[in-house]
Amino acid sequence: TVYLQMSGLKPENTAVYYCNGKIRTGVLSSWTYYWGQGT
């Protein structure tokens, strides 16, 4: 799990925030980037 604590938020920070992970699985031998659905 990764967290992002955001303080002092500004209107220009309005956006869809996406999580990304560089992950190795049991199927692939190489690193693969995965994305969340966004919040």
Full PDB file with SEQRES, HELIX, SHEET, SSBOND, CRYST1, ORIGX, SCALE, CONECT and MASTER records, all heavy atoms in Angstrom:
SEQRES   1 A   39  THR VAL TYR LEU GLN MET SER GLY LEU LYS PRO GLU ASN          
SEQRES   2 A   39  THR ALA VAL TYR TYR CYS ASN GLY LYS ILE ARG THR GLY          
SEQRES   3 A   39  VAL LEU SER SER TRP THR TYR TYR TRP GLY GLN GLY THR          
HELIX    1 AA1 PRO A   11  ASN A   13  5                                   3    
SHEET    1 AA1 2 ASN A  20  ILE A  23  0                                        
SHEET    2 AA1 2 THR A  32  TRP A  35 -1                                        
CRYST1    1.000    1.000    1.000  90.00  90.00  90.00 P 1           1          
ORIGX1      1.000000  0.000000  0.000000        0.00000                         
ORIGX2      0.000000  1.000000  0.000000        0.00000                         
ORIGX3      0.000000  0.000000  1.000000        0.00000                         
SCALE1      1.000000  0.000000  0.000000        0.00000                         
SCALE2      0.000000  1.000000  0.000000        0.00000                         
SCALE3      0.000000  0.000000  1.000000        0.00000                         
ATOM      1  N   THR A   1       0.830  -1.198   0.000  1.00  0.00           N  
ATOM      2  CA  THR A   1       0.000   0.000   0.000  1.00  0.00           C  
ATOM      3  C   THR A   1       0.867   1.250   0.000  1.00  0.00           C  
ATOM      4  O   THR A   1       1.882   1.312   0.695  1.00  0.00           O  
ATOM      5  CB  THR A   1      -0.932   0.012   1.218  1.00  0.00           C  
ATOM      6  OG1 THR A   1      -1.788  -1.140   1.174  1.00  0.00           O  
ATOM      7  CG2 THR A   1      -1.796   1.262   1.232  1.00  0.00           C  
ATOM      8  N   VAL A   2       0.444   2.232  -0.773  1.00  0.00           N  
ATOM      9  CA  VAL A   2       1.105   3.522  -0.814  1.00  0.00           C  
ATOM     10  C   VAL A   2       0.086   4.594  -0.455  1.00  0.00           C  
ATOM     11  O   VAL A   2      -1.090   4.486  -0.799  1.00  0.00           O  
ATOM     12  CB  VAL A   2       1.744   3.784  -2.192  1.00  0.00           C  
ATOM     13  CG1 VAL A   2       0.681   3.881  -3.283  1.00  0.00           C  
ATOM     14  CG2 VAL A   2       2.608   5.027  -2.162  1.00  0.00           C  
ATOM     15  N   TYR A   3       0.550   5.619   0.238  1.00  0.00           N  
ATOM     16  CA  TYR A   3      -0.312   6.690   0.701  1.00  0.00           C  
ATOM     17  C   TYR A   3       0.190   8.025   0.177  1.00  0.00           C  
ATOM     18  O   TYR A   3       1.370   8.204  -0.096  1.00  0.00           O  
ATOM     19  CB  TYR A   3      -0.349   6.750   2.229  1.00  0.00           C  
ATOM     20  CG  TYR A   3      -0.705   5.450   2.899  1.00  0.00           C  
ATOM     21  CD1 TYR A   3       0.286   4.548   3.283  1.00  0.00           C  
ATOM     22  CD2 TYR A   3      -2.031   5.122   3.152  1.00  0.00           C  
ATOM     23  CE1 TYR A   3      -0.035   3.356   3.901  1.00  0.00           C  
ATOM     24  CE2 TYR A   3      -2.359   3.928   3.768  1.00  0.00           C  
ATOM     25  CZ  TYR A   3      -1.361   3.048   4.140  1.00  0.00           C  
ATOM     26  OH  TYR A   3      -1.690   1.865   4.755  1.00  0.00           O  
ATOM     27  N   LEU A   4      -0.712   8.948   0.065  1.00  0.00           N  
ATOM     28  CA  LEU A   4      -0.358  10.322  -0.248  1.00  0.00           C  
ATOM     29  C   LEU A   4      -1.105  11.233   0.706  1.00  0.00           C  
ATOM     30  O   LEU A   4      -2.321  11.393   0.592  1.00  0.00           O  
ATOM     31  CB  LEU A   4      -0.692  10.677  -1.697  1.00  0.00           C  
ATOM     32  CG  LEU A   4      -0.232  12.058  -2.158  1.00  0.00           C  
ATOM     33  CD1 LEU A   4       1.296  12.128  -2.203  1.00  0.00           C  
ATOM     34  CD2 LEU A   4      -0.814  12.399  -3.528  1.00  0.00           C  
ATOM     35  N   GLN A   5      -0.378  11.800   1.659  1.00  0.00           N  
ATOM     36  CA  GLN A   5      -0.944  12.760   2.587  1.00  0.00           C  
ATOM     37  C   GLN A   5      -0.829  14.147   1.969  1.00  0.00           C  
ATOM     38  O   GLN A   5       0.277  14.619   1.708  1.00  0.00           O  
ATOM     39  CB  GLN A   5      -0.218  12.709   3.926  1.00  0.00           C  
ATOM     40  CG  GLN A   5      -0.711  13.726   4.944  1.00  0.00           C  
ATOM     41  CD  GLN A   5      -2.125  13.457   5.393  1.00  0.00           C  
ATOM     42  OE1 GLN A   5      -2.452  12.335   5.763  1.00  0.00           O  
ATOM     43  NE2 GLN A   5      -2.977  14.475   5.350  1.00  0.00           N  
ATOM     44  N   MET A   6      -1.953  14.783   1.743  1.00  0.00           N  
ATOM     45  CA  MET A   6      -1.997  16.075   1.084  1.00  0.00           C  
ATOM     46  C   MET A   6      -2.498  17.126   2.060  1.00  0.00           C  
ATOM     47  O   MET A   6      -3.586  16.991   2.622  1.00  0.00           O  
ATOM     48  CB  MET A   6      -2.896  16.030  -0.150  1.00  0.00           C  
ATOM     49  CG  MET A   6      -2.513  14.953  -1.151  1.00  0.00           C  
ATOM     50  SD  MET A   6      -3.521  15.009  -2.665  1.00  0.00           S  
ATOM     51  CE  MET A   6      -5.117  14.561  -1.980  1.00  0.00           C  
ATOM     52  N   SER A   7      -1.705  18.159   2.254  1.00  0.00           N  
ATOM     53  CA  SER A   7      -2.058  19.256   3.135  1.00  0.00           C  
ATOM     54  C   SER A   7      -1.939  20.568   2.374  1.00  0.00           C  
ATOM     55  O   SER A   7      -1.280  20.643   1.342  1.00  0.00           O  
ATOM     56  CB  SER A   7      -1.151  19.279   4.371  1.00  0.00           C  
ATOM     57  OG  SER A   7      -1.261  18.087   5.117  1.00  0.00           O  
ATOM     58  N   GLY A   8      -2.563  21.585   2.915  1.00  0.00           N  
ATOM     59  CA  GLY A   8      -2.526  22.884   2.264  1.00  0.00           C  
ATOM     60  C   GLY A   8      -3.037  22.833   0.838  1.00  0.00           C  
ATOM     61  O   GLY A   8      -2.442  23.437  -0.059  1.00  0.00           O  
ATOM     62  N   LEU A   9      -4.126  22.124   0.632  1.00  0.00           N  
ATOM     63  CA  LEU A   9      -4.633  21.910  -0.723  1.00  0.00           C  
ATOM     64  C   LEU A   9      -5.098  23.216  -1.359  1.00  0.00           C  
ATOM     65  O   LEU A   9      -5.653  24.094  -0.692  1.00  0.00           O  
ATOM     66  CB  LEU A   9      -5.760  20.897  -0.706  1.00  0.00           C  
ATOM     67  CG  LEU A   9      -5.294  19.445  -0.543  1.00  0.00           C  
ATOM     68  CD1 LEU A   9      -6.450  18.539  -0.153  1.00  0.00           C  
ATOM     69  CD2 LEU A   9      -4.659  18.961  -1.841  1.00  0.00           C  
ATOM     70  N   LYS A  10      -4.864  23.312  -2.646  1.00  0.00           N  
ATOM     71  CA  LYS A  10      -5.200  24.481  -3.434  1.00  0.00           C  
ATOM     72  C   LYS A  10      -6.154  24.091  -4.556  1.00  0.00           C  
ATOM     73  O   LYS A  10      -6.170  22.943  -4.989  1.00  0.00           O  
ATOM     74  CB  LYS A  10      -3.934  25.095  -4.039  1.00  0.00           C  
ATOM     75  CG  LYS A  10      -2.852  25.423  -3.027  1.00  0.00           C  
ATOM     76  CD  LYS A  10      -1.582  25.878  -3.719  1.00  0.00           C  
ATOM     77  CE  LYS A  10      -0.480  26.175  -2.717  1.00  0.00           C  
ATOM     78  NZ  LYS A  10       0.776  26.594  -3.401  1.00  0.00           N  
ATOM     79  N   PRO A  11      -6.942  25.041  -5.044  1.00  0.00           N  
ATOM     80  CA  PRO A  11      -7.847  24.720  -6.159  1.00  0.00           C  
ATOM     81  C   PRO A  11      -7.133  24.114  -7.357  1.00  0.00           C  
ATOM     82  O   PRO A  11      -7.708  23.253  -8.035  1.00  0.00           O  
ATOM     83  CB  PRO A  11      -8.472  26.074  -6.494  1.00  0.00           C  
ATOM     84  CG  PRO A  11      -8.460  26.813  -5.199  1.00  0.00           C  
ATOM     85  CD  PRO A  11      -7.175  26.403  -4.535  1.00  0.00           C  
ATOM     86  N   GLU A  12      -5.914  24.534  -7.623  1.00  0.00           N  
ATOM     87  CA  GLU A  12      -5.181  23.998  -8.752  1.00  0.00           C  
ATOM     88  C   GLU A  12      -4.746  22.556  -8.556  1.00  0.00           C  
ATOM     89  O   GLU A  12      -4.252  21.923  -9.496  1.00  0.00           O  
ATOM     90  CB  GLU A  12      -3.959  24.873  -9.088  1.00  0.00           C  
ATOM     91  CG  GLU A  12      -3.014  25.095  -7.917  1.00  0.00           C  
ATOM     92  CD  GLU A  12      -3.268  26.418  -7.213  1.00  0.00           C  
ATOM     93  OE1 GLU A  12      -4.447  26.785  -7.032  1.00  0.00           O  
ATOM     94  OE2 GLU A  12      -2.286  27.085  -6.849  1.00  0.00           O  
ATOM     95  N   ASN A  13      -4.920  22.024  -7.354  1.00  0.00           N  
ATOM     96  CA  ASN A  13      -4.643  20.617  -7.105  1.00  0.00           C  
ATOM     97  C   ASN A  13      -5.802  19.714  -7.515  1.00  0.00           C  
ATOM     98  O   ASN A  13      -5.686  18.492  -7.437  1.00  0.00           O  
ATOM     99  CB  ASN A  13      -4.318  20.370  -5.635  1.00  0.00           C  
ATOM    100  CG  ASN A  13      -3.078  21.109  -5.150  1.00  0.00           C  
ATOM    101  OD1 ASN A  13      -3.021  21.562  -4.016  1.00  0.00           O  
ATOM    102  ND2 ASN A  13      -2.079  21.225  -6.010  1.00  0.00           N  
ATOM    103  N   THR A  14      -6.901  20.310  -7.929  1.00  0.00           N  
ATOM    104  CA  THR A  14      -8.053  19.537  -8.368  1.00  0.00           C  
ATOM    105  C   THR A  14      -7.687  18.692  -9.579  1.00  0.00           C  
ATOM    106  O   THR A  14      -7.201  19.206 -10.585  1.00  0.00           O  
ATOM    107  CB  THR A  14      -9.221  20.463  -8.705  1.00  0.00           C  
ATOM    108  OG1 THR A  14      -9.661  21.132  -7.524  1.00  0.00           O  
ATOM    109  CG2 THR A  14     -10.391  19.673  -9.284  1.00  0.00           C  
ATOM    110  N   ALA A  15      -7.926  17.402  -9.474  1.00  0.00           N  
ATOM    111  CA  ALA A  15      -7.568  16.477 -10.540  1.00  0.00           C  
ATOM    112  C   ALA A  15      -8.035  15.082 -10.162  1.00  0.00           C  
ATOM    113  O   ALA A  15      -8.455  14.829  -9.027  1.00  0.00           O  
ATOM    114  CB  ALA A  15      -6.055  16.472 -10.777  1.00  0.00           C  
ATOM    115  N   VAL A  16      -7.957  14.188 -11.123  1.00  0.00           N  
ATOM    116  CA  VAL A  16      -8.086  12.772 -10.839  1.00  0.00           C  
ATOM    117  C   VAL A  16      -6.703  12.249 -10.501  1.00  0.00           C  
ATOM    118  O   VAL A  16      -5.761  12.421 -11.277  1.00  0.00           O  
ATOM    119  CB  VAL A  16      -8.682  11.990 -12.021  1.00  0.00           C  
ATOM    120  CG1 VAL A  16      -8.744  10.504 -11.698  1.00  0.00           C  
ATOM    121  CG2 VAL A  16     -10.070  12.514 -12.357  1.00  0.00           C  
ATOM    122  N   TYR A  17      -6.575  11.631  -9.355  1.00  0.00           N  
ATOM    123  CA  TYR A  17      -5.303  11.110  -8.897  1.00  0.00           C  
ATOM    124  C   TYR A  17      -5.250   9.607  -9.130  1.00  0.00           C  
ATOM    125  O   TYR A  17      -6.156   8.871  -8.735  1.00  0.00           O  
ATOM    126  CB  TYR A  17      -5.094  11.429  -7.414  1.00  0.00           C  
ATOM    127  CG  TYR A  17      -4.726  12.869  -7.172  1.00  0.00           C  
ATOM    128  CD1 TYR A  17      -5.658  13.878  -7.362  1.00  0.00           C  
ATOM    129  CD2 TYR A  17      -3.442  13.221  -6.775  1.00  0.00           C  
ATOM    130  CE1 TYR A  17      -5.314  15.207  -7.164  1.00  0.00           C  
ATOM    131  CE2 TYR A  17      -3.094  14.546  -6.570  1.00  0.00           C  
ATOM    132  CZ  TYR A  17      -4.033  15.534  -6.770  1.00  0.00           C  
ATOM    133  OH  TYR A  17      -3.691  16.853  -6.564  1.00  0.00           O  
ATOM    134  N   TYR A  18      -4.183   9.174  -9.779  1.00  0.00           N  
ATOM    135  CA  TYR A  18      -4.008   7.779 -10.148  1.00  0.00           C  
ATOM    136  C   TYR A  18      -2.822   7.173  -9.416  1.00  0.00           C  
ATOM    137  O   TYR A  18      -1.760   7.785  -9.319  1.00  0.00           O  
ATOM    138  CB  TYR A  18      -3.767   7.635 -11.650  1.00  0.00           C  
ATOM    139  CG  TYR A  18      -4.919   8.076 -12.521  1.00  0.00           C  
ATOM    140  CD1 TYR A  18      -4.990   9.379 -12.992  1.00  0.00           C  
ATOM    141  CD2 TYR A  18      -5.918   7.185 -12.875  1.00  0.00           C  
ATOM    142  CE1 TYR A  18      -6.038   9.787 -13.799  1.00  0.00           C  
ATOM    143  CE2 TYR A  18      -6.968   7.586 -13.684  1.00  0.00           C  
ATOM    144  CZ  TYR A  18      -7.015   8.889 -14.145  1.00  0.00           C  
ATOM    145  OH  TYR A  18      -8.055   9.285 -14.949  1.00  0.00           O  
ATOM    146  N   CYS A  19      -3.002   5.974  -8.955  1.00  0.00           N  
ATOM    147  CA  CYS A  19      -1.926   5.204  -8.355  1.00  0.00           C  
ATOM    148  C   CYS A  19      -1.225   4.380  -9.427  1.00  0.00           C  
ATOM    149  O   CYS A  19      -1.866   3.858 -10.345  1.00  0.00           O  
ATOM    150  CB  CYS A  19      -2.493   4.293  -7.267  1.00  0.00           C  
ATOM    151  SG  CYS A  19      -1.287   3.228  -6.460  1.00  0.00           S  
ATOM    152  N   ASN A  20       0.078   4.253  -9.303  1.00  0.00           N  
ATOM    153  CA  ASN A  20       0.875   3.478 -10.242  1.00  0.00           C  
ATOM    154  C   ASN A  20       1.860   2.601  -9.479  1.00  0.00           C  
ATOM    155  O   ASN A  20       2.422   3.021  -8.468  1.00  0.00           O  
ATOM    156  CB  ASN A  20       1.629   4.413 -11.194  1.00  0.00           C  
ATOM    157  CG  ASN A  20       2.575   3.669 -12.117  1.00  0.00           C  
ATOM    158  OD1 ASN A  20       3.754   3.489 -11.800  1.00  0.00           O  
ATOM    159  ND2 ASN A  20       2.068   3.238 -13.258  1.00  0.00           N  
ATOM    160  N   GLY A  21       2.061   1.401  -9.972  1.00  0.00           N  
ATOM    161  CA  GLY A  21       3.028   0.510  -9.362  1.00  0.00           C  
ATOM    162  C   GLY A  21       3.863  -0.213 -10.398  1.00  0.00           C  
ATOM    163  O   GLY A  21       3.338  -0.686 -11.410  1.00  0.00           O  
ATOM    164  N   LYS A  22       5.165  -0.272 -10.162  1.00  0.00           N  
ATOM    165  CA  LYS A  22       6.082  -1.040 -11.001  1.00  0.00           C  
ATOM    166  C   LYS A  22       6.226  -2.404 -10.333  1.00  0.00           C  
ATOM    167  O   LYS A  22       6.880  -2.531  -9.298  1.00  0.00           O  
ATOM    168  CB  LYS A  22       7.420  -0.323 -11.118  1.00  0.00           C  
ATOM    169  CG  LYS A  22       8.408  -0.981 -12.055  1.00  0.00           C  
ATOM    170  CD  LYS A  22       9.709  -0.183 -12.073  1.00  0.00           C  
ATOM    171  CE  LYS A  22      10.725  -0.800 -13.000  1.00  0.00           C  
ATOM    172  NZ  LYS A  22      12.006  -0.040 -12.976  1.00  0.00           N  
ATOM    173  N   ILE A  23       5.632  -3.420 -10.949  1.00  0.00           N  
ATOM    174  CA  ILE A  23       5.388  -4.676 -10.261  1.00  0.00           C  
ATOM    175  C   ILE A  23       5.874  -5.857 -11.094  1.00  0.00           C  
ATOM    176  O   ILE A  23       5.688  -5.898 -12.306  1.00  0.00           O  
ATOM    177  CB  ILE A  23       3.884  -4.835  -9.947  1.00  0.00           C  
ATOM    178  CG1 ILE A  23       3.424  -3.702  -9.027  1.00  0.00           C  
ATOM    179  CG2 ILE A  23       3.598  -6.195  -9.322  1.00  0.00           C  
ATOM    180  CD1 ILE A  23       1.931  -3.643  -8.830  1.00  0.00           C  
ATOM    181  N   ARG A  24       6.473  -6.817 -10.402  1.00  0.00           N  
ATOM    182  CA  ARG A  24       6.834  -8.086 -11.018  1.00  0.00           C  
ATOM    183  C   ARG A  24       5.853  -9.155 -10.528  1.00  0.00           C  
ATOM    184  O   ARG A  24       5.622  -9.302  -9.324  1.00  0.00           O  
ATOM    185  CB  ARG A  24       8.263  -8.481 -10.662  1.00  0.00           C  
ATOM    186  CG  ARG A  24       8.760  -9.713 -11.411  1.00  0.00           C  
ATOM    187  CD  ARG A  24      10.148 -10.139 -10.931  1.00  0.00           C  
ATOM    188  NE  ARG A  24      11.155  -9.127 -11.163  1.00  0.00           N  
ATOM    189  CZ  ARG A  24      11.796  -8.941 -12.312  1.00  0.00           C  
ATOM    190  NH1 ARG A  24      11.521  -9.722 -13.349  1.00  0.00           N  
ATOM    191  NH2 ARG A  24      12.710  -7.989 -12.422  1.00  0.00           N  
ATOM    192  N   THR A  25       5.292  -9.911 -11.448  1.00  0.00           N  
ATOM    193  CA  THR A  25       4.323 -10.951 -11.111  1.00  0.00           C  
ATOM    194  C   THR A  25       4.942 -12.332 -11.284  1.00  0.00           C  
ATOM    195  O   THR A  25       6.065 -12.483 -11.749  1.00  0.00           O  
ATOM    196  CB  THR A  25       3.068 -10.844 -11.977  1.00  0.00           C  
ATOM    197  OG1 THR A  25       3.376 -11.222 -13.327  1.00  0.00           O  
ATOM    198  CG2 THR A  25       2.518  -9.430 -11.968  1.00  0.00           C  
ATOM    199  N   GLY A  26       4.186 -13.347 -10.922  1.00  0.00           N  
ATOM    200  CA  GLY A  26       4.650 -14.713 -11.091  1.00  0.00           C  
ATOM    201  C   GLY A  26       4.630 -15.187 -12.533  1.00  0.00           C  
ATOM    202  O   GLY A  26       5.252 -16.193 -12.866  1.00  0.00           O  
ATOM    203  N   VAL A  27       3.915 -14.458 -13.391  1.00  0.00           N  
ATOM    204  CA  VAL A  27       3.802 -14.833 -14.794  1.00  0.00           C  
ATOM    205  C   VAL A  27       4.892 -14.190 -15.638  1.00  0.00           C  
ATOM    206  O   VAL A  27       5.496 -14.836 -16.493  1.00  0.00           O  
ATOM    207  CB  VAL A  27       2.416 -14.450 -15.346  1.00  0.00           C  
ATOM    208  CG1 VAL A  27       2.332 -14.764 -16.834  1.00  0.00           C  
ATOM    209  CG2 VAL A  27       1.327 -15.184 -14.581  1.00  0.00           C  
ATOM    210  N   LEU A  28       5.153 -12.938 -15.384  1.00  0.00           N  
ATOM    211  CA  LEU A  28       6.113 -12.175 -16.164  1.00  0.00           C  
ATOM    212  C   LEU A  28       7.450 -12.076 -15.434  1.00  0.00           C  
ATOM    213  O   LEU A  28       7.499 -11.946 -14.213  1.00  0.00           O  
ATOM    214  CB  LEU A  28       5.583 -10.781 -16.451  1.00  0.00           C  
ATOM    215  CG  LEU A  28       4.258 -10.688 -17.203  1.00  0.00           C  
ATOM    216  CD1 LEU A  28       3.809  -9.246 -17.312  1.00  0.00           C  
ATOM    217  CD2 LEU A  28       4.385 -11.316 -18.580  1.00  0.00           C  
ATOM    218  N   SER A  29       8.524 -12.122 -16.208  1.00  0.00           N  
ATOM    219  CA  SER A  29       9.855 -11.972 -15.640  1.00  0.00           C  
ATOM    220  C   SER A  29      10.315 -10.528 -15.622  1.00  0.00           C  
ATOM    221  O   SER A  29      11.292 -10.197 -14.957  1.00  0.00           O  
ATOM    222  CB  SER A  29      10.859 -12.825 -16.424  1.00  0.00           C  
ATOM    223  OG  SER A  29      10.921 -12.433 -17.780  1.00  0.00           O  
ATOM    224  N   SER A  30       9.625  -9.680 -16.353  1.00  0.00           N  
ATOM    225  CA  SER A  30       9.976  -8.279 -16.438  1.00  0.00           C  
ATOM    226  C   SER A  30       9.034  -7.434 -15.582  1.00  0.00           C  
ATOM    227  O   SER A  30       7.981  -7.886 -15.151  1.00  0.00           O  
ATOM    228  CB  SER A  30       9.932  -7.804 -17.890  1.00  0.00           C  
ATOM    229  OG  SER A  30       8.635  -7.967 -18.439  1.00  0.00           O  
ATOM    230  N   TRP A  31       9.454  -6.206 -15.346  1.00  0.00           N  
ATOM    231  CA  TRP A  31       8.633  -5.272 -14.594  1.00  0.00           C  
ATOM    232  C   TRP A  31       7.516  -4.734 -15.477  1.00  0.00           C  
ATOM    233  O   TRP A  31       7.703  -4.458 -16.659  1.00  0.00           O  
ATOM    234  CB  TRP A  31       9.473  -4.109 -14.080  1.00  0.00           C  
ATOM    235  CG  TRP A  31      10.531  -4.497 -13.100  1.00  0.00           C  
ATOM    236  CD1 TRP A  31      11.864  -4.622 -13.340  1.00  0.00           C  
ATOM    237  CD2 TRP A  31      10.352  -4.809 -11.719  1.00  0.00           C  
ATOM    238  NE1 TRP A  31      12.531  -4.985 -12.207  1.00  0.00           N  
ATOM    239  CE2 TRP A  31      11.624  -5.106 -11.184  1.00  0.00           C  
ATOM    240  CE3 TRP A  31       9.246  -4.855 -10.876  1.00  0.00           C  
ATOM    241  CZ2 TRP A  31      11.821  -5.455  -9.847  1.00  0.00           C  
ATOM    242  CZ3 TRP A  31       9.441  -5.205  -9.543  1.00  0.00           C  
ATOM    243  CH2 TRP A  31      10.710  -5.496  -9.050  1.00  0.00           C  
ATOM    244  N   THR A  32       6.355  -4.581 -14.881  1.00  0.00           N  
ATOM    245  CA  THR A  32       5.196  -4.047 -15.569  1.00  0.00           C  
ATOM    246  C   THR A  32       4.571  -2.941 -14.728  1.00  0.00           C  
ATOM    247  O   THR A  32       4.468  -3.074 -13.509  1.00  0.00           O  
ATOM    248  CB  THR A  32       4.143  -5.135 -15.832  1.00  0.00           C  
ATOM    249  OG1 THR A  32       4.729  -6.178 -16.612  1.00  0.00           O  
ATOM    250  CG2 THR A  32       2.949  -4.564 -16.581  1.00  0.00           C  
ATOM    251  N   TYR A  33       4.182  -1.868 -15.389  1.00  0.00           N  
ATOM    252  CA  TYR A  33       3.497  -0.781 -14.707  1.00  0.00           C  
ATOM    253  C   TYR A  33       1.991  -1.030 -14.724  1.00  0.00           C  
ATOM    254  O   TYR A  33       1.402  -1.316 -15.763  1.00  0.00           O  
ATOM    255  CB  TYR A  33       3.805   0.557 -15.371  1.00  0.00           C  
ATOM    256  CG  TYR A  33       5.202   1.057 -15.108  1.00  0.00           C  
ATOM    257  CD1 TYR A  33       6.245   0.776 -15.981  1.00  0.00           C  
ATOM    258  CD2 TYR A  33       5.475   1.816 -13.972  1.00  0.00           C  
ATOM    259  CE1 TYR A  33       7.528   1.236 -15.729  1.00  0.00           C  
ATOM    260  CE2 TYR A  33       6.758   2.278 -13.712  1.00  0.00           C  
ATOM    261  CZ  TYR A  33       7.776   1.982 -14.596  1.00  0.00           C  
ATOM    262  OH  TYR A  33       9.053   2.442 -14.344  1.00  0.00           O  
ATOM    263  N   TYR A  34       1.389  -0.901 -13.553  1.00  0.00           N  
ATOM    264  CA  TYR A  34      -0.051  -1.045 -13.415  1.00  0.00           C  
ATOM    265  C   TYR A  34      -0.639   0.247 -12.885  1.00  0.00           C  
ATOM    266  O   TYR A  34       0.012   0.977 -12.125  1.00  0.00           O  
ATOM    267  CB  TYR A  34      -0.398  -2.195 -12.465  1.00  0.00           C  
ATOM    268  CG  TYR A  34      -0.002  -3.554 -12.985  1.00  0.00           C  
ATOM    269  CD1 TYR A  34       1.245  -4.085 -12.718  1.00  0.00           C  
ATOM    270  CD2 TYR A  34      -0.888  -4.312 -13.747  1.00  0.00           C  
ATOM    271  CE1 TYR A  34       1.619  -5.330 -13.194  1.00  0.00           C  
ATOM    272  CE2 TYR A  34      -0.527  -5.560 -14.226  1.00  0.00           C  
ATOM    273  CZ  TYR A  34       0.728  -6.064 -13.949  1.00  0.00           C  
ATOM    274  OH  TYR A  34       1.079  -7.307 -14.426  1.00  0.00           O  
ATOM    275  N   TRP A  35      -1.877   0.495 -13.264  1.00  0.00           N  
ATOM    276  CA  TRP A  35      -2.570   1.716 -12.891  1.00  0.00           C  
ATOM    277  C   TRP A  35      -3.856   1.420 -12.148  1.00  0.00           C  
ATOM    278  O   TRP A  35      -4.559   0.454 -12.451  1.00  0.00           O  
ATOM    279  CB  TRP A  35      -2.911   2.546 -14.130  1.00  0.00           C  
ATOM    280  CG  TRP A  35      -1.711   3.113 -14.819  1.00  0.00           C  
ATOM    281  CD1 TRP A  35      -1.025   2.570 -15.855  1.00  0.00           C  
ATOM    282  CD2 TRP A  35      -1.063   4.350 -14.505  1.00  0.00           C  
ATOM    283  NE1 TRP A  35       0.012   3.390 -16.215  1.00  0.00           N  
ATOM    284  CE2 TRP A  35       0.020   4.483 -15.407  1.00  0.00           C  
ATOM    285  CE3 TRP A  35      -1.292   5.350 -13.560  1.00  0.00           C  
ATOM    286  CZ2 TRP A  35       0.868   5.585 -15.391  1.00  0.00           C  
ATOM    287  CZ3 TRP A  35      -0.442   6.442 -13.539  1.00  0.00           C  
ATOM    288  CH2 TRP A  35       0.615   6.546 -14.448  1.00  0.00           C  
ATOM    289  N   GLY A  36      -4.160   2.273 -11.192  1.00  0.00           N  
ATOM    290  CA  GLY A  36      -5.455   2.225 -10.545  1.00  0.00           C  
ATOM    291  C   GLY A  36      -6.501   2.933 -11.375  1.00  0.00           C  
ATOM    292  O   GLY A  36      -6.211   3.504 -12.434  1.00  0.00           O  
ATOM    293  N   GLN A  37      -7.719   2.905 -10.898  1.00  0.00           N  
ATOM    294  CA  GLN A  37      -8.832   3.488 -11.649  1.00  0.00           C  
ATOM    295  C   GLN A  37      -8.931   4.999 -11.482  1.00  0.00           C  
ATOM    296  O   GLN A  37      -9.632   5.656 -12.255  1.00  0.00           O  
ATOM    297  CB  GLN A  37     -10.149   2.837 -11.216  1.00  0.00           C  
ATOM    298  CG  GLN A  37     -10.747   3.377  -9.920  1.00  0.00           C  
ATOM    299  CD  GLN A  37     -10.032   2.925  -8.664  1.00  0.00           C  
ATOM    300  OE1 GLN A  37      -9.135   2.080  -8.716  1.00  0.00           O  
ATOM    301  NE2 GLN A  37     -10.423   3.473  -7.528  1.00  0.00           N  
ATOM    302  N   GLY A  38      -8.257   5.535 -10.503  1.00  0.00           N  
ATOM    303  CA  GLY A  38      -8.275   6.957 -10.242  1.00  0.00           C  
ATOM    304  C   GLY A  38      -9.294   7.344  -9.187  1.00  0.00           C  
ATOM    305  O   GLY A  38     -10.331   6.705  -9.039  1.00  0.00           O  
ATOM    306  N   THR A  39      -8.980   8.391  -8.451  1.00  0.00           N  
ATOM    307  CA  THR A  39      -9.900   8.937  -7.467  1.00  0.00           C  
ATOM    308  C   THR A  39      -9.923  10.452  -7.602  1.00  0.00           C  
ATOM    309  O   THR A  39      -8.877  11.089  -7.746  1.00  0.00           O  
ATOM    310  CB  THR A  39      -9.516   8.503  -6.036  1.00  0.00           C  
ATOM    311  OG1 THR A  39     -10.498   8.975  -5.104  1.00  0.00           O  
ATOM    312  CG2 THR A  39      -8.149   9.042  -5.632  1.00  0.00           C  
TER     313      THR A  39                                                      
MASTER        0    0    0    1    2    0    0    6  312    1    0    3          
END                                                                             
